[in-house]
Full PDB file with SEQRES, HELIX, SHEET, SSBOND, CRYST1, ORIGX, SCALE, CONECT and MASTER records, all heavy atoms in Angstrom:
SEQRES   1 A   42  ASN CYS TYR ALA LYS VAL ILE THR VAL GLU SER GLN LYS          
SEQRES   2 A   42  LYS ILE VAL ILE TYR SER LYS GLN HIS ILE ASN VAL ASN          
SEQRES   3 A   42  GLU GLU ILE THR TYR ASP TYR LYS PHE PRO ILE GLU ASP          
SEQRES   4 A   42  VAL LYS ILE                                                  
SHEET    1 AA1 2 CYS A   2  VAL A   9  0                                        
SHEET    2 AA1 2 GLN A  12  SER A  19 -1                                        
CRYST1    1.000    1.000    1.000  90.00  90.00  90.00 P 1           1          
ORIGX1      1.000000  0.000000  0.000000        0.00000                         
ORIGX2      0.000000  1.000000  0.000000        0.00000                         
ORIGX3      0.000000  0.000000  1.000000        0.00000                         
SCALE1      1.000000  0.000000  0.000000        0.00000                         
SCALE2      0.000000  1.000000  0.000000        0.00000                         
SCALE3      0.000000  0.000000  1.000000        0.00000                         
ATOM      1  N   ASN A   1      33.807 376.945  71.591  1.00  0.00           N  
ATOM      2  CA  ASN A   1      32.341 376.797  71.619  1.00  0.00           C  
ATOM      3  C   ASN A   1      31.928 375.426  71.131  1.00  0.00           C  
ATOM      4  O   ASN A   1      30.743 375.115  71.051  1.00  0.00           O  
ATOM      5  CB  ASN A   1      31.670 377.892  70.758  1.00  0.00           C  
ATOM      6  CG  ASN A   1      32.252 377.970  69.358  1.00  0.00           C  
ATOM      7  OD1 ASN A   1      32.841 377.021  68.864  1.00  0.00           O  
ATOM      8  ND2 ASN A   1      32.058 379.117  68.711  1.00  0.00           N  
ATOM      9  N   CYS A   2      32.902 374.562  70.753  1.00  0.00           N  
ATOM     10  CA  CYS A   2      32.613 373.201  70.321  1.00  0.00           C  
ATOM     11  C   CYS A   2      33.634 372.237  70.928  1.00  0.00           C  
ATOM     12  O   CYS A   2      34.628 372.658  71.531  1.00  0.00           O  
ATOM     13  CB  CYS A   2      32.665 373.096  68.788  1.00  0.00           C  
ATOM     14  SG  CYS A   2      31.376 373.996  67.921  1.00  0.00           S  
ATOM     15  N   TYR A   3      33.344 370.959  70.749  1.00  0.00           N  
ATOM     16  CA  TYR A   3      34.277 369.932  71.180  1.00  0.00           C  
ATOM     17  C   TYR A   3      34.209 368.759  70.213  1.00  0.00           C  
ATOM     18  O   TYR A   3      33.213 368.582  69.518  1.00  0.00           O  
ATOM     19  CB  TYR A   3      33.967 369.445  72.612  1.00  0.00           C  
ATOM     20  CG  TYR A   3      32.637 368.769  72.780  1.00  0.00           C  
ATOM     21  CD1 TYR A   3      32.538 367.380  72.737  1.00  0.00           C  
ATOM     22  CD2 TYR A   3      31.471 369.513  73.010  1.00  0.00           C  
ATOM     23  CE1 TYR A   3      31.315 366.738  72.890  1.00  0.00           C  
ATOM     24  CE2 TYR A   3      30.251 368.879  73.144  1.00  0.00           C  
ATOM     25  CZ  TYR A   3      30.181 367.492  73.095  1.00  0.00           C  
ATOM     26  OH  TYR A   3      28.961 366.866  73.264  1.00  0.00           O  
ATOM     27  N   ALA A   4      35.275 368.002  70.158  1.00  0.00           N  
ATOM     28  CA  ALA A   4      35.354 366.857  69.244  1.00  0.00           C  
ATOM     29  C   ALA A   4      35.056 365.573  70.028  1.00  0.00           C  
ATOM     30  O   ALA A   4      35.428 365.426  71.180  1.00  0.00           O  
ATOM     31  CB  ALA A   4      36.757 366.760  68.628  1.00  0.00           C  
ATOM     32  N   LYS A   5      34.351 364.683  69.363  1.00  0.00           N  
ATOM     33  CA  LYS A   5      33.973 363.414  69.988  1.00  0.00           C  
ATOM     34  C   LYS A   5      34.127 362.271  68.979  1.00  0.00           C  
ATOM     35  O   LYS A   5      33.764 362.427  67.822  1.00  0.00           O  
ATOM     36  CB  LYS A   5      32.508 363.485  70.476  1.00  0.00           C  
ATOM     37  CG  LYS A   5      32.040 362.214  71.184  1.00  0.00           C  
ATOM     38  CD  LYS A   5      30.599 362.371  71.637  1.00  0.00           C  
ATOM     39  CE  LYS A   5      30.083 361.115  72.333  1.00  0.00           C  
ATOM     40  NZ  LYS A   5      28.659 361.253  72.768  1.00  0.00           N  
ATOM     41  N   VAL A   6      34.670 361.158  69.432  1.00  0.00           N  
ATOM     42  CA  VAL A   6      34.800 359.975  68.586  1.00  0.00           C  
ATOM     43  C   VAL A   6      33.554 359.103  68.791  1.00  0.00           C  
ATOM     44  O   VAL A   6      33.242 358.725  69.912  1.00  0.00           O  
ATOM     45  CB  VAL A   6      36.069 359.179  68.934  1.00  0.00           C  
ATOM     46  CG1 VAL A   6      36.160 357.911  68.067  1.00  0.00           C  
ATOM     47  CG2 VAL A   6      37.297 360.048  68.743  1.00  0.00           C  
ATOM     48  N   ILE A   7      32.840 358.816  67.723  1.00  0.00           N  
ATOM     49  CA  ILE A   7      31.670 357.958  67.784  1.00  0.00           C  
ATOM     50  C   ILE A   7      31.866 356.768  66.843  1.00  0.00           C  
ATOM     51  O   ILE A   7      32.675 356.851  65.915  1.00  0.00           O  
ATOM     52  CB  ILE A   7      30.375 358.715  67.411  1.00  0.00           C  
ATOM     53  CG1 ILE A   7      30.394 359.122  65.936  1.00  0.00           C  
ATOM     54  CG2 ILE A   7      30.176 359.917  68.312  1.00  0.00           C  
ATOM     55  CD1 ILE A   7      29.103 359.785  65.491  1.00  0.00           C  
ATOM     56  N   THR A   8      31.176 355.697  67.125  1.00  0.00           N  
ATOM     57  CA  THR A   8      31.267 354.494  66.307  1.00  0.00           C  
ATOM     58  C   THR A   8      29.984 354.300  65.544  1.00  0.00           C  
ATOM     59  O   THR A   8      28.906 354.203  66.143  1.00  0.00           O  
ATOM     60  CB  THR A   8      31.556 353.253  67.174  1.00  0.00           C  
ATOM     61  OG1 THR A   8      32.773 353.479  67.902  1.00  0.00           O  
ATOM     62  CG2 THR A   8      31.720 352.009  66.295  1.00  0.00           C  
ATOM     63  N   VAL A   9      30.078 354.268  64.232  1.00  0.00           N  
ATOM     64  CA  VAL A   9      28.919 354.073  63.352  1.00  0.00           C  
ATOM     65  C   VAL A   9      29.199 352.905  62.451  1.00  0.00           C  
ATOM     66  O   VAL A   9      30.133 352.923  61.654  1.00  0.00           O  
ATOM     67  CB  VAL A   9      28.654 355.329  62.498  1.00  0.00           C  
ATOM     68  CG1 VAL A   9      27.478 355.089  61.569  1.00  0.00           C  
ATOM     69  CG2 VAL A   9      28.417 356.546  63.376  1.00  0.00           C  
ATOM     70  N   GLU A  10      28.409 351.828  62.622  1.00  0.00           N  
ATOM     71  CA  GLU A  10      28.580 350.617  61.838  1.00  0.00           C  
ATOM     72  C   GLU A  10      30.016 350.098  61.909  1.00  0.00           C  
ATOM     73  O   GLU A  10      30.674 349.848  60.909  1.00  0.00           O  
ATOM     74  CB  GLU A  10      28.169 350.867  60.384  1.00  0.00           C  
ATOM     75  CG  GLU A  10      26.683 351.188  60.232  1.00  0.00           C  
ATOM     76  CD  GLU A  10      26.297 351.483  58.802  1.00  0.00           C  
ATOM     77  OE1 GLU A  10      27.203 351.565  57.937  1.00  0.00           O  
ATOM     78  OE2 GLU A  10      25.098 351.611  58.520  1.00  0.00           O  
ATOM     79  N   SER A  11      30.532 349.996  63.124  1.00  0.00           N  
ATOM     80  CA  SER A  11      31.865 349.468  63.432  1.00  0.00           C  
ATOM     81  C   SER A  11      32.986 350.337  62.917  1.00  0.00           C  
ATOM     82  O   SER A  11      34.159 349.895  62.869  1.00  0.00           O  
ATOM     83  CB  SER A  11      32.027 348.045  62.868  1.00  0.00           C  
ATOM     84  OG  SER A  11      31.027 347.188  63.409  1.00  0.00           O  
ATOM     85  N   GLN A  12      32.697 351.556  62.513  1.00  0.00           N  
ATOM     86  CA  GLN A  12      33.742 352.459  62.040  1.00  0.00           C  
ATOM     87  C   GLN A  12      33.760 353.704  62.906  1.00  0.00           C  
ATOM     88  O   GLN A  12      32.724 354.349  63.162  1.00  0.00           O  
ATOM     89  CB  GLN A  12      33.476 352.869  60.585  1.00  0.00           C  
ATOM     90  CG  GLN A  12      34.561 353.759  59.991  1.00  0.00           C  
ATOM     91  CD  GLN A  12      34.329 354.105  58.552  1.00  0.00           C  
ATOM     92  OE1 GLN A  12      33.331 353.685  57.960  1.00  0.00           O  
ATOM     93  NE2 GLN A  12      35.233 354.874  57.944  1.00  0.00           N  
ATOM     94  N   LYS A  13      34.961 354.070  63.376  1.00  0.00           N  
ATOM     95  CA  LYS A  13      35.101 355.227  64.229  1.00  0.00           C  
ATOM     96  C   LYS A  13      35.150 356.520  63.397  1.00  0.00           C  
ATOM     97  O   LYS A  13      35.820 356.589  62.367  1.00  0.00           O  
ATOM     98  CB  LYS A  13      36.384 355.133  65.060  1.00  0.00           C  
ATOM     99  CG  LYS A  13      36.323 354.038  66.123  1.00  0.00           C  
ATOM    100  CD  LYS A  13      37.575 354.026  66.967  1.00  0.00           C  
ATOM    101  CE  LYS A  13      37.494 352.967  68.079  1.00  0.00           C  
ATOM    102  NZ  LYS A  13      38.705 352.917  68.896  1.00  0.00           N  
ATOM    103  N   LYS A  14      34.369 357.508  63.846  1.00  0.00           N  
ATOM    104  CA  LYS A  14      34.307 358.801  63.186  1.00  0.00           C  
ATOM    105  C   LYS A  14      34.497 359.915  64.200  1.00  0.00           C  
ATOM    106  O   LYS A  14      34.167 359.764  65.367  1.00  0.00           O  
ATOM    107  CB  LYS A  14      32.954 358.975  62.469  1.00  0.00           C  
ATOM    108  CG  LYS A  14      32.714 357.970  61.361  1.00  0.00           C  
ATOM    109  CD  LYS A  14      31.321 358.171  60.741  1.00  0.00           C  
ATOM    110  CE  LYS A  14      31.072 357.223  59.604  1.00  0.00           C  
ATOM    111  NZ  LYS A  14      31.942 357.543  58.427  1.00  0.00           N  
ATOM    112  N   ILE A  15      35.048 361.025  63.733  1.00  0.00           N  
ATOM    113  CA  ILE A  15      35.216 362.209  64.574  1.00  0.00           C  
ATOM    114  C   ILE A  15      34.178 363.247  64.156  1.00  0.00           C  
ATOM    115  O   ILE A  15      34.088 363.628  63.007  1.00  0.00           O  
ATOM    116  CB  ILE A  15      36.624 362.801  64.417  1.00  0.00           C  
ATOM    117  CG1 ILE A  15      37.680 361.806  64.901  1.00  0.00           C  
ATOM    118  CG2 ILE A  15      36.746 364.107  65.196  1.00  0.00           C  
ATOM    119  CD1 ILE A  15      39.089 362.259  64.692  1.00  0.00           C  
ATOM    120  N   VAL A  16      33.391 363.667  65.144  1.00  0.00           N  
ATOM    121  CA  VAL A  16      32.333 364.629  64.873  1.00  0.00           C  
ATOM    122  C   VAL A  16      32.493 365.809  65.834  1.00  0.00           C  
ATOM    123  O   VAL A  16      32.831 365.636  67.006  1.00  0.00           O  
ATOM    124  CB  VAL A  16      30.935 364.007  65.052  1.00  0.00           C  
ATOM    125  CG1 VAL A  16      29.856 364.988  64.735  1.00  0.00           C  
ATOM    126  CG2 VAL A  16      30.800 362.778  64.159  1.00  0.00           C  
ATOM    127  N   ILE A  17      32.256 366.997  65.312  1.00  0.00           N  
ATOM    128  CA  ILE A  17      32.340 368.215  66.109  1.00  0.00           C  
ATOM    129  C   ILE A  17      30.968 368.575  66.649  1.00  0.00           C  
ATOM    130  O   ILE A  17      30.022 368.713  65.889  1.00  0.00           O  
ATOM    131  CB  ILE A  17      32.898 369.387  65.269  1.00  0.00           C  
ATOM    132  CG1 ILE A  17      34.202 368.978  64.566  1.00  0.00           C  
ATOM    133  CG2 ILE A  17      33.131 370.607  66.145  1.00  0.00           C  
ATOM    134  CD1 ILE A  17      35.316 368.517  65.493  1.00  0.00           C  
ATOM    135  N   TYR A  18      30.855 368.679  67.982  1.00  0.00           N  
ATOM    136  CA  TYR A  18      29.612 369.028  68.661  1.00  0.00           C  
ATOM    137  C   TYR A  18      29.687 370.466  69.175  1.00  0.00           C  
ATOM    138  O   TYR A  18      30.782 370.944  69.543  1.00  0.00           O  
ATOM    139  CB  TYR A  18      29.336 368.114  69.861  1.00  0.00           C  
ATOM    140  CG  TYR A  18      28.858 366.733  69.544  1.00  0.00           C  
ATOM    141  CD1 TYR A  18      29.732 365.714  69.153  1.00  0.00           C  
ATOM    142  CD2 TYR A  18      27.517 366.400  69.677  1.00  0.00           C  
ATOM    143  CE1 TYR A  18      29.279 364.426  68.873  1.00  0.00           C  
ATOM    144  CE2 TYR A  18      27.057 365.117  69.433  1.00  0.00           C  
ATOM    145  CZ  TYR A  18      27.941 364.139  69.034  1.00  0.00           C  
ATOM    146  OH  TYR A  18      27.502 362.885  68.772  1.00  0.00           O  
ATOM    147  N   SER A  19      28.566 371.114  69.270  1.00  0.00           N  
ATOM    148  CA  SER A  19      28.515 372.451  69.850  1.00  0.00           C  
ATOM    149  C   SER A  19      28.384 372.336  71.384  1.00  0.00           C  
ATOM    150  O   SER A  19      27.582 371.563  71.902  1.00  0.00           O  
ATOM    151  CB  SER A  19      27.329 373.261  69.307  1.00  0.00           C  
ATOM    152  OG  SER A  19      26.114 372.539  69.510  1.00  0.00           O  
ATOM    153  N   LYS A  20      29.187 373.131  72.111  1.00  0.00           N  
ATOM    154  CA  LYS A  20      29.114 373.161  73.574  1.00  0.00           C  
ATOM    155  C   LYS A  20      28.045 374.131  74.061  1.00  0.00           C  
ATOM    156  O   LYS A  20      27.508 373.960  75.128  1.00  0.00           O  
ATOM    157  CB  LYS A  20      30.463 373.608  74.147  1.00  0.00           C  
ATOM    158  CG  LYS A  20      31.572 372.597  74.021  1.00  0.00           C  
ATOM    159  CD  LYS A  20      32.864 373.138  74.641  1.00  0.00           C  
ATOM    160  CE  LYS A  20      32.702 373.408  76.108  1.00  0.00           C  
ATOM    161  NZ  LYS A  20      33.990 373.907  76.715  1.00  0.00           N  
ATOM    162  N   GLN A  21      27.753 375.135  73.244  1.00  0.00           N  
ATOM    163  CA  GLN A  21      26.858 376.204  73.634  1.00  0.00           C  
ATOM    164  C   GLN A  21      26.185 376.747  72.393  1.00  0.00           C  
ATOM    165  O   GLN A  21      26.455 376.271  71.259  1.00  0.00           O  
ATOM    166  CB  GLN A  21      27.666 377.329  74.319  1.00  0.00           C  
ATOM    167  CG  GLN A  21      28.715 377.938  73.381  1.00  0.00           C  
ATOM    168  CD  GLN A  21      29.842 378.575  74.114  1.00  0.00           C  
ATOM    169  OE1 GLN A  21      30.300 378.070  75.142  1.00  0.00           O  
ATOM    170  NE2 GLN A  21      30.323 379.707  73.589  1.00  0.00           N  
ATOM    171  N   HIS A  22      25.280 377.708  72.579  1.00  0.00           N  
ATOM    172  CA  HIS A  22      24.637 378.316  71.432  1.00  0.00           C  
ATOM    173  C   HIS A  22      25.661 379.113  70.613  1.00  0.00           C  
ATOM    174  O   HIS A  22      26.494 379.826  71.164  1.00  0.00           O  
ATOM    175  CB  HIS A  22      23.520 379.253  71.878  1.00  0.00           C  
ATOM    176  CG  HIS A  22      22.837 379.980  70.743  1.00  0.00           C  
ATOM    177  ND1 HIS A  22      21.873 379.386  69.961  1.00  0.00           N  
ATOM    178  CD2 HIS A  22      23.043 381.245  70.273  1.00  0.00           C  
ATOM    179  CE1 HIS A  22      21.478 380.258  69.048  1.00  0.00           C  
ATOM    180  NE2 HIS A  22      22.168 381.366  69.196  1.00  0.00           N  
ATOM    181  N   ILE A  23      25.611 378.958  69.293  1.00  0.00           N  
ATOM    182  CA  ILE A  23      26.530 379.632  68.404  1.00  0.00           C  
ATOM    183  C   ILE A  23      25.735 380.558  67.484  1.00  0.00           C  
ATOM    184  O   ILE A  23      24.774 380.121  66.842  1.00  0.00           O  
ATOM    185  CB  ILE A  23      27.345 378.627  67.573  1.00  0.00           C  
ATOM    186  CG1 ILE A  23      28.151 377.710  68.508  1.00  0.00           C  
ATOM    187  CG2 ILE A  23      28.275 379.329  66.598  1.00  0.00           C  
ATOM    188  CD1 ILE A  23      28.880 376.592  67.801  1.00  0.00           C  
ATOM    189  N   ASN A  24      26.137 381.818  67.431  1.00  0.00           N  
ATOM    190  CA  ASN A  24      25.421 382.803  66.613  1.00  0.00           C  
ATOM    191  C   ASN A  24      25.890 382.774  65.178  1.00  0.00           C  
ATOM    192  O   ASN A  24      26.946 382.206  64.845  1.00  0.00           O  
ATOM    193  CB  ASN A  24      25.639 384.218  67.218  1.00  0.00           C  
ATOM    194  CG  ASN A  24      25.053 384.345  68.586  1.00  0.00           C  
ATOM    195  OD1 ASN A  24      23.936 383.872  68.850  1.00  0.00           O  
ATOM    196  ND2 ASN A  24      25.776 384.978  69.486  1.00  0.00           N  
ATOM    197  N   VAL A  25      25.122 383.420  64.311  1.00  0.00           N  
ATOM    198  CA  VAL A  25      25.480 383.579  62.915  1.00  0.00           C  
ATOM    199  C   VAL A  25      26.793 384.372  62.808  1.00  0.00           C  
ATOM    200  O   VAL A  25      26.993 385.346  63.521  1.00  0.00           O  
ATOM    201  CB  VAL A  25      24.363 384.262  62.105  1.00  0.00           C  
ATOM    202  CG1 VAL A  25      24.787 384.448  60.656  1.00  0.00           C  
ATOM    203  CG2 VAL A  25      23.096 383.439  62.194  1.00  0.00           C  
ATOM    204  N   ASN A  26      27.696 383.936  61.941  1.00  0.00           N  
ATOM    205  CA  ASN A  26      29.019 384.557  61.698  1.00  0.00           C  
ATOM    206  C   ASN A  26      29.991 384.366  62.860  1.00  0.00           C  
ATOM    207  O   ASN A  26      31.081 384.956  62.836  1.00  0.00           O  
ATOM    208  CB  ASN A  26      28.878 386.065  61.403  1.00  0.00           C  
ATOM    209  CG  ASN A  26      28.163 386.329  60.086  1.00  0.00           C  
ATOM    210  OD1 ASN A  26      28.321 385.555  59.122  1.00  0.00           O  
ATOM    211  ND2 ASN A  26      27.387 387.394  60.016  1.00  0.00           N  
ATOM    212  N   GLU A  27      29.636 383.566  63.834  1.00  0.00           N  
ATOM    213  CA  GLU A  27      30.557 383.247  64.919  1.00  0.00           C  
ATOM    214  C   GLU A  27      31.490 382.125  64.480  1.00  0.00           C  
ATOM    215  O   GLU A  27      31.079 381.177  63.847  1.00  0.00           O  
ATOM    216  CB  GLU A  27      29.810 382.841  66.188  1.00  0.00           C  
ATOM    217  CG  GLU A  27      30.697 382.596  67.399  1.00  0.00           C  
ATOM    218  CD  GLU A  27      29.904 382.263  68.636  1.00  0.00           C  
ATOM    219  OE1 GLU A  27      28.663 382.436  68.622  1.00  0.00           O  
ATOM    220  OE2 GLU A  27      30.513 381.829  69.642  1.00  0.00           O  
ATOM    221  N   GLU A  28      32.768 382.241  64.839  1.00  0.00           N  
ATOM    222  CA  GLU A  28      33.731 381.226  64.419  1.00  0.00           C  
ATOM    223  C   GLU A  28      33.598 379.953  65.239  1.00  0.00           C  
ATOM    224  O   GLU A  28      33.406 379.990  66.451  1.00  0.00           O  
ATOM    225  CB  GLU A  28      35.164 381.770  64.529  1.00  0.00           C  
ATOM    226  CG  GLU A  28      36.205 380.777  64.035  1.00  0.00           C  
ATOM    227  CD  GLU A  28      37.616 381.366  63.894  1.00  0.00           C  
ATOM    228  OE1 GLU A  28      37.759 382.566  64.229  1.00  0.00           O  
ATOM    229  OE2 GLU A  28      38.509 380.639  63.476  1.00  0.00           O  
ATOM    230  N   ILE A  29      33.686 378.823  64.548  1.00  0.00           N  
ATOM    231  CA  ILE A  29      33.646 377.515  65.188  1.00  0.00           C  
ATOM    232  C   ILE A  29      35.030 377.176  65.701  1.00  0.00           C  
ATOM    233  O   ILE A  29      36.006 377.242  64.944  1.00  0.00           O  
ATOM    234  CB  ILE A  29      33.178 376.404  64.200  1.00  0.00           C  
ATOM    235  CG1 ILE A  29      31.866 376.803  63.539  1.00  0.00           C  
ATOM    236  CG2 ILE A  29      33.071 375.077  64.904  1.00  0.00           C  
ATOM    237  CD1 ILE A  29      30.698 376.921  64.476  1.00  0.00           C  
ATOM    238  N   THR A  30      35.166 376.813  66.974  1.00  0.00           N  
ATOM    239  CA  THR A  30      36.458 376.473  67.564  1.00  0.00           C  
ATOM    240  C   THR A  30      36.336 375.275  68.486  1.00  0.00           C  
ATOM    241  O   THR A  30      35.239 374.981  68.993  1.00  0.00           O  
ATOM    242  CB  THR A  30      37.028 377.658  68.382  1.00  0.00           C  
ATOM    243  OG1 THR A  30      36.107 377.996  69.429  1.00  0.00           O  
ATOM    244  CG2 THR A  30      37.263 378.873  67.501  1.00  0.00           C  
ATOM    245  N   TYR A  31      37.433 374.574  68.680  1.00  0.00           N  
ATOM    246  CA  TYR A  31      37.499 373.544  69.707  1.00  0.00           C  
ATOM    247  C   TYR A  31      38.932 373.428  70.199  1.00  0.00           C  
ATOM    248  O   TYR A  31      39.869 373.984  69.605  1.00  0.00           O  
ATOM    249  CB  TYR A  31      37.009 372.177  69.162  1.00  0.00           C  
ATOM    250  CG  TYR A  31      37.845 371.553  68.084  1.00  0.00           C  
ATOM    251  CD1 TYR A  31      38.933 370.745  68.370  1.00  0.00           C  
ATOM    252  CD2 TYR A  31      37.542 371.735  66.732  1.00  0.00           C  
ATOM    253  CE1 TYR A  31      39.701 370.150  67.387  1.00  0.00           C  
ATOM    254  CE2 TYR A  31      38.285 371.148  65.735  1.00  0.00           C  
ATOM    255  CZ  TYR A  31      39.378 370.359  66.047  1.00  0.00           C  
ATOM    256  OH  TYR A  31      40.141 369.763  65.062  1.00  0.00           O  
ATOM    257  N   ASP A  32      39.119 372.740  71.298  1.00  0.00           N  
ATOM    258  CA  ASP A  32      40.437 372.592  71.919  1.00  0.00           C  
ATOM    259  C   ASP A  32      41.154 371.433  71.256  1.00  0.00           C  
ATOM    260  O   ASP A  32      40.679 370.305  71.275  1.00  0.00           O  
ATOM    261  CB  ASP A  32      40.269 372.321  73.424  1.00  0.00           C  
ATOM    262  CG  ASP A  32      41.575 372.422  74.187  1.00  0.00           C  
ATOM    263  OD1 ASP A  32      42.641 372.275  73.549  1.00  0.00           O  
ATOM    264  OD2 ASP A  32      41.530 372.610  75.419  1.00  0.00           O  
ATOM    265  N   TYR A  33      42.311 371.725  70.653  1.00  0.00           N  
ATOM    266  CA  TYR A  33      43.083 370.683  69.973  1.00  0.00           C  
ATOM    267  C   TYR A  33      43.614 369.622  70.926  1.00  0.00           C  
ATOM    268  O   TYR A  33      43.805 368.468  70.522  1.00  0.00           O  
ATOM    269  CB  TYR A  33      44.265 371.298  69.214  1.00  0.00           C  
ATOM    270  CG  TYR A  33      43.897 372.036  67.939  1.00  0.00           C  
ATOM    271  CD1 TYR A  33      42.581 372.183  67.528  1.00  0.00           C  
ATOM    272  CD2 TYR A  33      44.873 372.618  67.150  1.00  0.00           C  
ATOM    273  CE1 TYR A  33      42.245 372.857  66.378  1.00  0.00           C  
ATOM    274  CE2 TYR A  33      44.558 373.298  65.979  1.00  0.00           C  
ATOM    275  CZ  TYR A  33      43.260 373.415  65.595  1.00  0.00           C  
ATOM    276  OH  TYR A  33      42.941 374.085  64.437  1.00  0.00           O  
ATOM    277  N   LYS A  34      43.858 370.020  72.178  1.00  0.00           N  
ATOM    278  CA  LYS A  34      44.381 369.099  73.184  1.00  0.00           C  
ATOM    279  C   LYS A  34      45.637 368.382  72.726  1.00  0.00           C  
ATOM    280  O   LYS A  34      45.750 367.151  72.796  1.00  0.00           O  
ATOM    281  CB  LYS A  34      43.308 368.081  73.604  1.00  0.00           C  
ATOM    282  CG  LYS A  34      42.107 368.720  74.273  1.00  0.00           C  
ATOM    283  CD  LYS A  34      41.094 367.705  74.750  1.00  0.00           C  
ATOM    284  CE  LYS A  34      39.930 368.352  75.474  1.00  0.00           C  
ATOM    285  NZ  LYS A  34      38.917 367.381  75.942  1.00  0.00           N  
ATOM    286  N   PHE A  35      46.589 369.178  72.209  1.00  0.00           N  
ATOM    287  CA  PHE A  35      47.868 368.613  71.790  1.00  0.00           C  
ATOM    288  C   PHE A  35      48.636 368.096  73.009  1.00  0.00           C  
ATOM    289  O   PHE A  35      48.538 368.671  74.104  1.00  0.00           O  
ATOM    290  CB  PHE A  35      48.706 369.670  71.078  1.00  0.00           C  
ATOM    291  CG  PHE A  35      48.297 369.928  69.657  1.00  0.00           C  
ATOM    292  CD1 PHE A  35      48.834 371.001  68.946  1.00  0.00           C  
ATOM    293  CD2 PHE A  35      47.398 369.106  69.012  1.00  0.00           C  
ATOM    294  CE1 PHE A  35      48.476 371.239  67.653  1.00  0.00           C  
ATOM    295  CE2 PHE A  35      47.020 369.356  67.708  1.00  0.00           C  
ATOM    296  CZ  PHE A  35      47.567 370.404  67.017  1.00  0.00           C  
ATOM    297  N   PRO A  36      49.420 367.040  72.872  1.00  0.00           N  
ATOM    298  CA  PRO A  36      50.258 366.555  73.992  1.00  0.00           C  
ATOM    299  C   PRO A  36      51.336 367.568  74.348  1.00  0.00           C  
ATOM    300  O   PRO A  36      51.791 368.333  73.475  1.00  0.00           O  
ATOM    301  CB  PRO A  36      50.847 365.260  73.442  1.00  0.00           C  
ATOM    302  CG  PRO A  36      50.817 365.389  71.950  1.00  0.00           C  
ATOM    303  CD  PRO A  36      49.567 366.205  71.655  1.00  0.00           C  
ATOM    304  N   ILE A  37      51.739 367.576  75.605  1.00  0.00           N  
ATOM    305  CA  ILE A  37      52.749 368.511  76.081  1.00  0.00           C  
ATOM    306  C   ILE A  37      54.115 368.137  75.481  1.00  0.00           C  
ATOM    307  O   ILE A  37      54.545 366.971  75.579  1.00  0.00           O  
ATOM    308  CB  ILE A  37      52.819 368.497  77.609  1.00  0.00           C  
ATOM    309  CG1 ILE A  37      51.471 368.967  78.189  1.00  0.00           C  
ATOM    310  CG2 ILE A  37      53.940 369.420  78.111  1.00  0.00           C  
ATOM    311  CD1 ILE A  37      51.407 368.907  79.703  1.00  0.00           C  
ATOM    312  N   GLU A  38      54.775 369.130  74.881  1.00  0.00           N  
ATOM    313  CA  GLU A  38      56.093 368.913  74.287  1.00  0.00           C  
ATOM    314  C   GLU A  38      57.020 370.068  74.656  1.00  0.00           C  
ATOM    315  O   GLU A  38      56.565 371.137  75.089  1.00  0.00           O  
ATOM    316  CB  GLU A  38      55.970 368.803  72.757  1.00  0.00           C  
ATOM    317  CG  GLU A  38      55.150 367.607  72.274  1.00  0.00           C  
ATOM    318  CD  GLU A  38      55.042 367.562  70.765  1.00  0.00           C  
ATOM    319  OE1 GLU A  38      55.541 368.488  70.104  1.00  0.00           O  
ATOM    320  OE2 GLU A  38      54.452 366.595  70.230  1.00  0.00           O  
ATOM    321  N   ASP A  39      58.317 369.823  74.456  1.00  0.00           N  
ATOM    322  CA  ASP A  39      59.300 370.843  74.805  1.00  0.00           C  
ATOM    323  C   ASP A  39      59.233 372.028  73.865  1.00  0.00           C  
ATOM    324  O   ASP A  39      59.335 373.199  74.274  1.00  0.00           O  
ATOM    325  CB  ASP A  39      60.710 370.245  74.807  1.00  0.00           C  
ATOM    326  CG  ASP A  39      60.902 369.223  75.916  1.00  0.00           C  
ATOM    327  OD1 ASP A  39      60.181 369.313  76.932  1.00  0.00           O  
ATOM    328  OD2 ASP A  39      61.743 368.306  75.754  1.00  0.00           O  
ATOM    329  N   VAL A  40      59.092 371.719  72.556  1.00  0.00           N  
ATOM    330  CA  VAL A  40      58.966 372.780  71.553  1.00  0.00           C  
ATOM    331  C   VAL A  40      57.514 373.275  71.544  1.00  0.00           C  
ATOM    332  O   VAL A  40      56.620 372.541  71.147  1.00  0.00           O  
ATOM    333  CB  VAL A  40      59.389 372.295  70.162  1.00  0.00           C  
ATOM    334  CG1 VAL A  40      59.270 373.433  69.152  1.00  0.00           C  
ATOM    335  CG2 VAL A  40      60.821 371.748  70.206  1.00  0.00           C  
ATOM    336  N   LYS A  41      57.304 374.499  72.004  1.00  0.00           N  
ATOM    337  CA  LYS A  41      55.950 375.011  72.162  1.00  0.00           C  
ATOM    338  C   LYS A  41      55.428 375.669  70.854  1.00  0.00           C  
ATOM    339  O   LYS A  41      56.200 376.297  70.130  1.00  0.00           O  
ATOM    340  CB  LYS A  41      55.920 376.029  73.302  1.00  0.00           C  
ATOM    341  CG  LYS A  41      56.291 375.460  74.656  1.00  0.00           C  
ATOM    342  CD  LYS A  41      55.326 374.353  75.076  1.00  0.00           C  
ATOM    343  CE  LYS A  41      55.693 373.811  76.456  1.00  0.00           C  
ATOM    344  NZ  LYS A  41      54.778 372.724  76.886  1.00  0.00           N  
ATOM    345  N   ILE A  42      54.117 375.502  70.666  1.00  0.00           N  
ATOM    346  CA  ILE A  42      53.446 376.154  69.558  1.00  0.00           C  
ATOM    347  C   ILE A  42      52.601 377.259  70.141  1.00  0.00           C  
ATOM    348  O   ILE A  42      51.693 376.997  70.939  1.00  0.00           O  
ATOM    349  CB  ILE A  42      52.555 375.135  68.792  1.00  0.00           C  
ATOM    350  CG1 ILE A  42      53.370 373.951  68.310  1.00  0.00           C  
ATOM    351  CG2 ILE A  42      51.859 375.843  67.633  1.00  0.00           C  
ATOM    352  CD1 ILE A  42      52.524 372.859  67.666  1.00  0.00           C  
TER     353      ILE A  42                                                      
MASTER        0    0    0    0    2    0    0    6  352    1    0    4          
END                                                                             
């Protein structure tokens, strides 16, 4: 229901979590880690 975005604030890069959709009270915040493909799977 969220995604991560890199933004630049005063020449410094920051990672901020944005909401993709409406999130209800007590709903868990999640985003896609987008890990690189590897042989050893998690």
